[in-house]
Structures are given as structure tokens and as C-alpha cells.
Amino acid sequence: MSDVIKTRREGGILEVTLDRPKANAIDLATSRAMGETFKAFRDDAQLRVAIVKTAGEKFFSAGWDLKAAASGDAVDGDYGVGGFGGLQELIDMNKPVIAAVSGMAVGGGFELALSCDLIYAADHASFALPEIKAGTLADAATIKLPKRIPYHVAMDMLLTGRWMDAQEALRWGLVNEIVPSEKLEERVWEVARLLAGGPPLVFAAIKEVAREAEAMGFQEAMNWITKRKFRTVDALYDSEDNMEGFRAFAEKRDPVWKGK
């Protein structure tokens, strides 16, 4: 799948590019390859942040490959580790992931972007969940989208399948920033380099707490933090990095994070 999933590595940053003309649609084989790529990123201690992008300007991703499905690529087949697109069900993905959305993010392509922690969009980007028109469920988006933007706006997209342009997405807080198309890659790499220089153990704790606290009440989640029941929080509080942060502040210097 090296011709479909391309990677570029710079220091602690991994850029993952889906290149599957014409619409960067995802079939079972592609989903499995993406899952293996993101799993390897998760498990590589030297990598600290990932960028998810796709080739071309028209489509970020059209989502599920309907042509492949029509030829027998089962809708309920084995998407591989991490579920569809390799990210949305990947266990213990405790590193920051940035989406660079250029063009149309449709259905599962939209869900792929929603699986990332930050979304930067080109000025011509747009988003839609047309599954309703095909009589099926946009499953991950139905769970995630009402938590990301106002409920009634999310339900409007889910129930009608309408398009949302980049400006509206920014207004509702769905994307972090709109960037001219020719500047998108530069901007995303700028953010990635900033994050790559940050404290990886804190990033891991932020991601685990934010994820797991969704199913908890506030006080329960706070108790889990103070009693160090979260694995990443426990690792952070016993780490060299935790003390390094205090020392660097007292000594008025930049901290040197080791991730341990």
C-alpha cells in the first residue's frame, strides 16, 4: 500500500498522506494500511505528533469507497486496527494528531478529520454527511459531531446531508483555523513543530483524561486524576519531565523534555 499511504518523517513529526485518486475514498485494504501506519506512529517513542493529509485539492476524502462496496467489499468488513480510517477506534492514541483538510471531507472522510485533535482547513474546504441520502447511518459522526458543535447544527447536517463550507465550520468551532490553500501545509507543519517541542507525557495525559472523562461525572474524573487512576497521569507524576518543568520554571530557562 506504499503507493496509497505515503509518509514523511521529520524529527518527532510523522506526516501521513492518503493518495488514492480520484476522491481519496477508503476501501478495506486502505483502511487496514492506515491503521497499521497510525499504530506504528502510536508505538514509536521517537514520534510525538502526526499530520493527516490527502493528495489533491478537490477531495480531502470521499469516505467509504462505494464502488468497492458494490463489488463485494463488505460494509461491515474488517477495517483493521483502529477501525475505519485507522484512527477513530485506535486504542491508547495518546499523541496529538492534526488534520489538514483541503477540499471536500465527505462522510467517512469527515469522520477521519473528526478523529484528529486539531483541524486546519483550506479556504475551499467543505464538509458533509450524505449518508442520510443513501439510507444509512454516519455512525462515528452521529456520536462525535453533537459533542463538537451545537446539537441543532450537528443534527441539521446529519438529518439533511447538507454541505457546510469552511467559514461556517470555523464559526461553529469545528475547525481551528482557515488557511489559504497554498499556505495550508506550511501552517500545519508550523503547528506540528510547536507540538513536537512540547511535553509528550502531558500531551498523553491530556488525551487520555479528555477521552475517558466523557463517560464520567466531573467529580469522578477529578478523583481519578488525584488518585492517579489514569495510566498516563500516574506516569506523568512519577516522571523526570514533571520535575524538569518545575526546575526550568525556577531557573528561568526552557525545559528539555525527554518523555520519561
C-alpha atoms as a PDB file:
ATOM      1  CA  MET A   1       0.000   0.000   0.000  1.00  0.00           C
ATOM      2  CA  SER A   2       3.046   2.290  -0.161  1.00  0.00           C
ATOM      3  CA  ASP A   3       1.613   3.899  -3.295  1.00  0.00           C
ATOM      4  CA  VAL A   4      -1.609   4.770  -1.432  1.00  0.00           C
ATOM      5  CA  ILE A   5      -0.328   5.662   2.058  1.00  0.00           C
ATOM      6  CA  LYS A   6       2.756   7.844   1.935  1.00  0.00           C
ATOM      7  CA  THR A   7       4.700   9.005   4.974  1.00  0.00           C
ATOM      8  CA  ARG A   8       7.213  11.744   5.613  1.00  0.00           C
ATOM      9  CA  ARG A   9       9.186  11.941   8.829  1.00  0.00           C
ATOM     10  CA  GLU A  10      10.936  14.972  10.293  1.00  0.00           C
ATOM     11  CA  GLY A  11      12.239  14.686  13.834  1.00  0.00           C
ATOM     12  CA  GLY A  12       9.278  13.817  16.033  1.00  0.00           C
ATOM     13  CA  ILE A  13       6.692  14.542  13.320  1.00  0.00           C
ATOM     14  CA  LEU A  14       5.074  11.998  11.012  1.00  0.00           C
ATOM     15  CA  GLU A  15       3.108  13.242   8.008  1.00  0.00           C
ATOM     16  CA  VAL A  16       0.656  10.664   6.646  1.00  0.00           C
ATOM     17  CA  THR A  17      -0.760  11.274   3.167  1.00  0.00           C
ATOM     18  CA  LEU A  18      -3.651   9.320   1.665  1.00  0.00           C
ATOM     19  CA  ASP A  19      -3.155   9.356  -2.100  1.00  0.00           C
ATOM     20  CA  ARG A  20      -5.927   7.389  -3.794  1.00  0.00           C
ATOM     21  CA  PRO A  21      -7.297   9.179  -6.859  1.00  0.00           C
ATOM     22  CA  LYS A  22      -9.755  10.458  -7.720  1.00  0.00           C
ATOM     23  CA  ALA A  23     -11.519  11.108  -4.422  1.00  0.00           C
ATOM     24  CA  ASN A  24      -9.234   9.548  -1.781  1.00  0.00           C
ATOM     25  CA  ALA A  25     -12.002   7.094  -0.974  1.00  0.00           C
ATOM     26  CA  ILE A  26     -11.183   4.424   1.584  1.00  0.00           C
ATOM     27  CA  ASP A  27     -11.744   0.719   0.945  1.00  0.00           C
ATOM     28  CA  LEU A  28     -10.962  -2.122   3.335  1.00  0.00           C
ATOM     29  CA  ALA A  29      -7.351  -2.556   2.232  1.00  0.00           C
ATOM     30  CA  THR A  30      -6.692   1.176   2.509  1.00  0.00           C
ATOM     31  CA  SER A  31      -8.296   1.354   5.949  1.00  0.00           C
ATOM     32  CA  ARG A  32      -6.146  -1.526   7.166  1.00  0.00           C
ATOM     33  CA  ALA A  33      -2.994   0.118   5.825  1.00  0.00           C
ATOM     34  CA  MET A  34      -3.923   3.387   7.522  1.00  0.00           C
ATOM     35  CA  GLY A  35      -4.481   1.540  10.783  1.00  0.00           C
ATOM     36  CA  GLU A  36      -1.056  -0.075  10.641  1.00  0.00           C
ATOM     37  CA  THR A  37       0.514   3.305   9.885  1.00  0.00           C
ATOM     38  CA  PHE A  38      -1.163   5.037  12.821  1.00  0.00           C
ATOM     39  CA  LYS A  39      -0.453   2.097  15.136  1.00  0.00           C
ATOM     40  CA  ALA A  40       3.241   2.332  14.258  1.00  0.00           C
ATOM     41  CA  PHE A  41       3.115   6.067  14.968  1.00  0.00           C
ATOM     42  CA  ARG A  42       1.457   5.453  18.332  1.00  0.00           C
ATOM     43  CA  ASP A  43       4.060   2.888  19.345  1.00  0.00           C
ATOM     44  CA  ASP A  44       7.168   4.787  18.198  1.00  0.00           C
ATOM     45  CA  ALA A  45       8.585   6.621  21.213  1.00  0.00           C
ATOM     46  CA  GLN A  46      10.539   8.969  18.927  1.00  0.00           C
ATOM     47  CA  LEU A  47       7.411  10.281  17.200  1.00  0.00           C
ATOM     48  CA  ARG A  48       5.370  12.913  19.003  1.00  0.00           C
ATOM     49  CA  VAL A  49       2.812  14.348  16.584  1.00  0.00           C
ATOM     50  CA  ALA A  50       1.139  13.254  13.346  1.00  0.00           C
ATOM     51  CA  ILE A  51      -0.266  15.200  10.417  1.00  0.00           C
ATOM     52  CA  VAL A  52      -3.076  13.644   8.381  1.00  0.00           C
ATOM     53  CA  LYS A  53      -3.481  14.968   4.859  1.00  0.00           C
ATOM     54  CA  THR A  54      -4.562  13.747   1.455  1.00  0.00           C
ATOM     55  CA  ALA A  55      -3.354  14.305  -2.077  1.00  0.00           C
ATOM     56  CA  GLY A  56      -5.116  16.652  -4.456  1.00  0.00           C
ATOM     57  CA  GLU A  57      -7.178  19.790  -3.987  1.00  0.00           C
ATOM     58  CA  LYS A  58     -10.719  18.655  -4.778  1.00  0.00           C
ATOM     59  CA  PHE A  59     -11.250  15.917  -2.190  1.00  0.00           C
ATOM     60  CA  PHE A  60      -9.843  15.558   1.293  1.00  0.00           C
ATOM     61  CA  SER A  61     -11.658  12.221   1.231  1.00  0.00           C
ATOM     62  CA  ALA A  62     -14.959  10.967  -0.088  1.00  0.00           C
ATOM     63  CA  GLY A  63     -15.042   8.483   2.775  1.00  0.00           C
ATOM     64  CA  TRP A  64     -16.172   4.917   2.217  1.00  0.00           C
ATOM     65  CA  ASP A  65     -15.401   3.577  -1.268  1.00  0.00           C
ATOM     66  CA  LEU A  66     -18.888   2.819  -2.571  1.00  0.00           C
ATOM     67  CA  LYS A  67     -17.572   1.336  -5.814  1.00  0.00           C
ATOM     68  CA  ALA A  68     -15.529  -1.172  -3.823  1.00  0.00           C
ATOM     69  CA  ALA A  69     -18.568  -1.903  -1.663  1.00  0.00           C
ATOM     70  CA  ALA A  70     -20.673  -2.564  -4.752  1.00  0.00           C
ATOM     71  CA  SER A  71     -18.113  -5.109  -5.920  1.00  0.00           C
ATOM     72  CA  GLY A  72     -18.161  -7.016  -2.652  1.00  0.00           C
ATOM     73  CA  ASP A  73     -16.016  -5.000  -0.228  1.00  0.00           C
ATOM     74  CA  ALA A  74     -18.356  -5.595   2.698  1.00  0.00           C
ATOM     75  CA  VAL A  75     -19.576  -2.540   4.592  1.00  0.00           C
ATOM     76  CA  ASP A  76     -19.260  -4.481   7.856  1.00  0.00           C
ATOM     77  CA  GLY A  77     -15.882  -5.957   6.937  1.00  0.00           C
ATOM     78  CA  ASP A  78     -12.623  -5.842   8.855  1.00  0.00           C
ATOM     79  CA  TYR A  79     -11.412  -2.248   8.713  1.00  0.00           C
ATOM     80  CA  GLY A  80      -8.244  -3.225  10.568  1.00  0.00           C
ATOM     81  CA  VAL A  81      -6.655  -1.911  13.730  1.00  0.00           C
ATOM     82  CA  GLY A  82      -8.117   1.462  14.637  1.00  0.00           C
ATOM     83  CA  GLY A  83     -11.380   0.891  12.791  1.00  0.00           C
ATOM     84  CA  PHE A  84     -12.373   2.822   9.675  1.00  0.00           C
ATOM     85  CA  GLY A  85      -9.520   5.058   8.535  1.00  0.00           C
ATOM     86  CA  GLY A  86      -7.233   3.681  11.219  1.00  0.00           C
ATOM     87  CA  LEU A  87      -7.803   6.406  13.810  1.00  0.00           C
ATOM     88  CA  GLN A  88     -11.292   6.623  15.235  1.00  0.00           C
ATOM     89  CA  GLU A  89     -11.100   3.404  17.281  1.00  0.00           C
ATOM     90  CA  LEU A  90      -7.351   3.152  17.800  1.00  0.00           C
ATOM     91  CA  ILE A  91      -6.826   2.308  21.475  1.00  0.00           C
ATOM     92  CA  ASP A  92      -4.456   4.479  23.532  1.00  0.00           C
ATOM     93  CA  MET A  93      -3.753   7.005  20.801  1.00  0.00           C
ATOM     94  CA  ASN A  94      -2.299   9.492  23.262  1.00  0.00           C
ATOM     95  CA  LYS A  95      -0.342  11.688  20.863  1.00  0.00           C
ATOM     96  CA  PRO A  96      -1.615  14.823  19.086  1.00  0.00           C
ATOM     97  CA  VAL A  97      -2.917  14.349  15.546  1.00  0.00           C
ATOM     98  CA  ILE A  98      -3.551  17.275  13.190  1.00  0.00           C
ATOM     99  CA  ALA A  99      -5.831  17.140  10.145  1.00  0.00           C
ATOM    100  CA  ALA A 100      -5.006  19.285   7.112  1.00  0.00           C
ATOM    101  CA  VAL A 101      -8.300  19.396   5.209  1.00  0.00           C
ATOM    102  CA  SER A 102      -8.115  20.516   1.607  1.00  0.00           C
ATOM    103  CA  GLY A 103     -11.245  20.090  -0.493  1.00  0.00           C
ATOM    104  CA  MET A 104     -14.346  18.074   0.332  1.00  0.00           C
ATOM    105  CA  ALA A 105     -14.470  15.982   3.516  1.00  0.00           C
ATOM    106  CA  VAL A 106     -17.443  13.720   2.913  1.00  0.00           C
ATOM    107  CA  GLY A 107     -18.966  11.009   5.099  1.00  0.00           C
ATOM    108  CA  GLY A 108     -16.139   8.849   6.364  1.00  0.00           C
ATOM    109  CA  GLY A 109     -13.673  11.474   5.186  1.00  0.00           C
ATOM    110  CA  PHE A 110     -15.344  13.960   7.521  1.00  0.00           C
ATOM    111  CA  GLU A 111     -15.183  11.324  10.276  1.00  0.00           C
ATOM    112  CA  LEU A 112     -11.460  10.907   9.644  1.00  0.00           C
ATOM    113  CA  ALA A 113     -10.967  14.625  10.276  1.00  0.00           C
ATOM    114  CA  LEU A 114     -13.132  14.392  13.408  1.00  0.00           C
ATOM    115  CA  SER A 115     -10.786  11.680  14.692  1.00  0.00           C
ATOM    116  CA  CYS A 116      -7.965  14.240  14.852  1.00  0.00           C
ATOM    117  CA  ASP A 117      -7.296  16.653  17.696  1.00  0.00           C
ATOM    118  CA  LEU A 118      -6.846  19.771  15.587  1.00  0.00           C
ATOM    119  CA  ILE A 119      -8.355  20.582  12.199  1.00  0.00           C
ATOM    120  CA  TYR A 120      -6.853  23.178   9.864  1.00  0.00           C
ATOM    121  CA  ALA A 121      -8.855  23.792   6.714  1.00  0.00           C
ATOM    122  CA  ALA A 122      -8.044  25.279   3.345  1.00  0.00           C
ATOM    123  CA  ASP A 123     -10.320  28.152   2.390  1.00  0.00           C
ATOM    124  CA  HIS A 124     -12.102  25.970  -0.171  1.00  0.00           C
ATOM    125  CA  ALA A 125     -12.716  23.061   2.215  1.00  0.00           C
ATOM    126  CA  SER A 126     -16.242  21.813   2.819  1.00  0.00           C
ATOM    127  CA  PHE A 127     -17.899  19.151   4.930  1.00  0.00           C
ATOM    128  CA  ALA A 128     -20.937  16.910   4.533  1.00  0.00           C
ATOM    129  CA  LEU A 129     -22.553  13.734   5.849  1.00  0.00           C
ATOM    130  CA  PRO A 130     -24.626  12.475   2.898  1.00  0.00           C
ATOM    131  CA  GLU A 131     -25.272   9.037   4.422  1.00  0.00           C
ATOM    132  CA  ILE A 132     -28.884  10.040   5.119  1.00  0.00           C
ATOM    133  CA  LYS A 133     -29.493  10.218   1.354  1.00  0.00           C
ATOM    134  CA  ALA A 134     -28.221   6.661   0.964  1.00  0.00           C
ATOM    135  CA  GLY A 135     -30.436   5.426   3.764  1.00  0.00           C
ATOM    136  CA  THR A 136     -27.602   4.580   6.129  1.00  0.00           C
ATOM    137  CA  LEU A 137     -26.019   5.866   9.339  1.00  0.00           C
ATOM    138  CA  ALA A 138     -22.979   8.110   9.636  1.00  0.00           C
ATOM    139  CA  ASP A 139     -22.097   6.184  12.770  1.00  0.00           C
ATOM    140  CA  ALA A 140     -18.948   7.842  14.153  1.00  0.00           C
ATOM    141  CA  ALA A 141     -20.160  11.324  13.166  1.00  0.00           C
ATOM    142  CA  THR A 142     -23.507  10.737  14.888  1.00  0.00           C
ATOM    143  CA  ILE A 143     -21.598  10.076  18.112  1.00  0.00           C
ATOM    144  CA  LYS A 144     -18.939  12.769  17.780  1.00  0.00           C
ATOM    145  CA  LEU A 145     -20.419  15.731  15.930  1.00  0.00           C
ATOM    146  CA  PRO A 146     -23.099  16.765  18.503  1.00  0.00           C
ATOM    147  CA  LYS A 147     -20.266  16.980  21.055  1.00  0.00           C
ATOM    148  CA  ARG A 148     -18.131  19.213  18.842  1.00  0.00           C
ATOM    149  CA  ILE A 149     -20.644  21.787  17.618  1.00  0.00           C
ATOM    150  CA  PRO A 150     -24.108  22.896  18.811  1.00  0.00           C
ATOM    151  CA  TYR A 151     -26.558  19.998  18.872  1.00  0.00           C
ATOM    152  CA  HIS A 152     -29.060  21.557  16.468  1.00  0.00           C
ATOM    153  CA  VAL A 153     -26.352  22.372  13.923  1.00  0.00           C
ATOM    154  CA  ALA A 154     -24.987  18.835  14.105  1.00  0.00           C
ATOM    155  CA  MET A 155     -28.459  17.344  13.730  1.00  0.00           C
ATOM    156  CA  ASP A 156     -29.121  19.587  10.744  1.00  0.00           C
ATOM    157  CA  MET A 157     -26.081  18.119   8.979  1.00  0.00           C
ATOM    158  CA  LEU A 158     -26.921  14.550   9.978  1.00  0.00           C
ATOM    159  CA  LEU A 159     -30.637  14.739   9.122  1.00  0.00           C
ATOM    160  CA  THR A 160     -30.388  16.656   5.845  1.00  0.00           C
ATOM    161  CA  GLY A 161     -26.948  15.791   4.470  1.00  0.00           C
ATOM    162  CA  ARG A 162     -26.333  19.456   3.682  1.00  0.00           C
ATOM    163  CA  TRP A 163     -22.918  20.954   2.998  1.00  0.00           C
ATOM    164  CA  MET A 164     -21.012  23.180   5.428  1.00  0.00           C
ATOM    165  CA  ASP A 165     -18.323  25.432   3.998  1.00  0.00           C
ATOM    166  CA  ALA A 166     -15.084  26.331   5.761  1.00  0.00           C
ATOM    167  CA  GLN A 167     -16.324  29.688   7.027  1.00  0.00           C
ATOM    168  CA  GLU A 168     -19.351  28.148   8.704  1.00  0.00           C
ATOM    169  CA  ALA A 169     -17.190  25.351  10.111  1.00  0.00           C
ATOM    170  CA  LEU A 170     -14.919  27.969  11.675  1.00  0.00           C
ATOM    171  CA  ARG A 171     -17.895  29.881  13.069  1.00  0.00           C
ATOM    172  CA  TRP A 172     -19.130  26.782  14.904  1.00  0.00           C
ATOM    173  CA  GLY A 173     -15.658  25.858  16.133  1.00  0.00           C
ATOM    174  CA  LEU A 174     -15.467  22.719  14.012  1.00  0.00           C
ATOM    175  CA  VAL A 175     -12.090  23.775  12.584  1.00  0.00           C
ATOM    176  CA  ASN A 176      -9.298  25.619  14.353  1.00  0.00           C
ATOM    177  CA  GLU A 177      -8.305  27.882  11.509  1.00  0.00           C
ATOM    178  CA  ILE A 178      -8.894  28.575   7.815  1.00  0.00           C
ATOM    179  CA  VAL A 179      -5.736  28.961   5.748  1.00  0.00           C
ATOM    180  CA  PRO A 180      -5.291  29.874   2.071  1.00  0.00           C
ATOM    181  CA  SER A 181      -4.871  26.629   0.181  1.00  0.00           C
ATOM    182  CA  GLU A 182      -1.286  27.355  -0.830  1.00  0.00           C
ATOM    183  CA  LYS A 183      -0.359  28.055   2.823  1.00  0.00           C
ATOM    184  CA  LEU A 184      -2.097  25.072   4.447  1.00  0.00           C
ATOM    185  CA  GLU A 185       0.867  22.709   4.545  1.00  0.00           C
ATOM    186  CA  GLU A 186       3.193  25.419   5.862  1.00  0.00           C
ATOM    187  CA  ARG A 187       0.757  26.347   8.637  1.00  0.00           C
ATOM    188  CA  VAL A 188       0.107  22.767   9.714  1.00  0.00           C
ATOM    189  CA  TRP A 189       3.818  22.000   9.869  1.00  0.00           C
ATOM    190  CA  GLU A 190       4.333  25.128  11.940  1.00  0.00           C
ATOM    191  CA  VAL A 191       1.801  23.854  14.483  1.00  0.00           C
ATOM    192  CA  ALA A 192       3.249  20.342  14.351  1.00  0.00           C
ATOM    193  CA  ARG A 193       6.739  21.618  15.117  1.00  0.00           C
ATOM    194  CA  LEU A 194       5.369  23.603  18.048  1.00  0.00           C
ATOM    195  CA  LEU A 195       3.701  20.485  19.453  1.00  0.00           C
ATOM    196  CA  ALA A 196       6.724  18.296  18.763  1.00  0.00           C
ATOM    197  CA  GLY A 197       8.687  20.525  21.117  1.00  0.00           C
ATOM    198  CA  GLY A 198       6.107  20.171  23.879  1.00  0.00           C
ATOM    199  CA  PRO A 199       5.918  17.741  26.830  1.00  0.00           C
ATOM    200  CA  PRO A 200       4.815  14.354  25.440  1.00  0.00           C
ATOM    201  CA  LEU A 201       3.796  12.931  28.820  1.00  0.00           C
ATOM    202  CA  VAL A 202       1.479  15.882  29.431  1.00  0.00           C
ATOM    203  CA  PHE A 203       0.002  15.524  25.937  1.00  0.00           C
ATOM    204  CA  ALA A 204      -0.663  11.842  26.661  1.00  0.00           C
ATOM    205  CA  ALA A 205      -2.366  12.685  29.952  1.00  0.00           C
ATOM    206  CA  ILE A 206      -4.494  15.371  28.313  1.00  0.00           C
ATOM    207  CA  LYS A 207      -5.688  12.986  25.634  1.00  0.00           C
ATOM    208  CA  GLU A 208      -6.466  10.109  27.983  1.00  0.00           C
ATOM    209  CA  VAL A 209      -8.263  12.273  30.546  1.00  0.00           C
ATOM    210  CA  ALA A 210     -10.287  14.120  27.904  1.00  0.00           C
ATOM    211  CA  ARG A 211     -11.275  10.831  26.250  1.00  0.00           C
ATOM    212  CA  GLU A 212     -12.138   8.843  29.364  1.00  0.00           C
ATOM    213  CA  ALA A 213     -13.825  11.719  31.205  1.00  0.00           C
ATOM    214  CA  GLU A 214     -16.574  11.795  28.561  1.00  0.00           C
ATOM    215  CA  ALA A 215     -18.200   8.848  30.316  1.00  0.00           C
ATOM    216  CA  MET A 216     -17.665  10.226  33.843  1.00  0.00           C
ATOM    217  CA  GLY A 217     -19.117  12.905  36.046  1.00  0.00           C
ATOM    218  CA  PHE A 218     -16.843  15.828  36.879  1.00  0.00           C
ATOM    219  CA  GLN A 219     -16.059  14.762  40.445  1.00  0.00           C
ATOM    220  CA  GLU A 220     -15.431  11.167  39.439  1.00  0.00           C
ATOM    221  CA  ALA A 221     -12.958  12.272  36.778  1.00  0.00           C
ATOM    222  CA  MET A 222     -11.219  14.593  39.237  1.00  0.00           C
ATOM    223  CA  ASN A 223     -10.953  11.755  41.745  1.00  0.00           C
ATOM    224  CA  TRP A 224      -9.387   9.548  39.080  1.00  0.00           C
ATOM    225  CA  ILE A 225      -6.792  12.236  38.434  1.00  0.00           C
ATOM    226  CA  THR A 226      -5.929  12.909  42.078  1.00  0.00           C
ATOM    227  CA  LYS A 227      -5.794   9.188  42.877  1.00  0.00           C
ATOM    228  CA  ARG A 228      -3.669   8.596  39.753  1.00  0.00           C
ATOM    229  CA  LYS A 229      -6.025   6.007  38.296  1.00  0.00           C
ATOM    230  CA  PHE A 230      -5.317   7.191  34.762  1.00  0.00           C
ATOM    231  CA  ARG A 231      -2.229   5.362  33.492  1.00  0.00           C
ATOM    232  CA  THR A 232      -0.832   8.431  31.749  1.00  0.00           C
ATOM    233  CA  VAL A 233      -1.383  10.689  34.763  1.00  0.00           C
ATOM    234  CA  ASP A 234       0.384   8.195  37.018  1.00  0.00           C
ATOM    235  CA  ALA A 235       3.312   8.027  34.582  1.00  0.00           C
ATOM    236  CA  LEU A 236       3.470  11.828  34.370  1.00  0.00           C
ATOM    237  CA  TYR A 237       3.532  12.416  38.123  1.00  0.00           C
ATOM    238  CA  ASP A 238       6.433   9.976  38.577  1.00  0.00           C
ATOM    239  CA  SER A 239       8.414  11.272  35.602  1.00  0.00           C
ATOM    240  CA  GLU A 240      11.646  13.171  35.153  1.00  0.00           C
ATOM    241  CA  ASP A 241       9.751  15.534  32.852  1.00  0.00           C
ATOM    242  CA  ASN A 242       7.403  16.538  35.676  1.00  0.00           C
ATOM    243  CA  MET A 243      10.349  17.717  37.798  1.00  0.00           C
ATOM    244  CA  GLU A 244      12.070  19.216  34.764  1.00  0.00           C
ATOM    245  CA  GLY A 245       9.132  21.537  34.249  1.00  0.00           C
ATOM    246  CA  PHE A 246       9.382  22.832  37.813  1.00  0.00           C
ATOM    247  CA  ARG A 247      13.157  23.224  37.618  1.00  0.00           C
ATOM    248  CA  ALA A 248      13.049  25.037  34.290  1.00  0.00           C
ATOM    249  CA  PHE A 249      10.479  27.495  35.639  1.00  0.00           C
ATOM    250  CA  ALA A 250      12.559  28.164  38.776  1.00  0.00           C
ATOM    251  CA  GLU A 251      15.744  28.541  36.734  1.00  0.00           C
ATOM    252  CA  LYS A 252      14.060  30.730  34.110  1.00  0.00           C
ATOM    253  CA  ARG A 253      15.044  28.539  31.169  1.00  0.00           C
ATOM    254  CA  ASP A 254      13.299  26.470  28.532  1.00  0.00           C
ATOM    255  CA  PRO A 255      12.550  22.921  29.680  1.00  0.00           C
ATOM    256  CA  VAL A 256      14.139  19.932  27.967  1.00  0.00           C
ATOM    257  CA  TRP A 257      11.524  17.211  27.621  1.00  0.00           C
ATOM    258  CA  LYS A 258      12.679  13.601  27.481  1.00  0.00           C
ATOM    259  CA  GLY A 259       9.330  11.840  27.541  1.00  0.00           C
ATOM    260  CA  LYS A 260      10.270   9.893  30.666  1.00  0.00           C
END
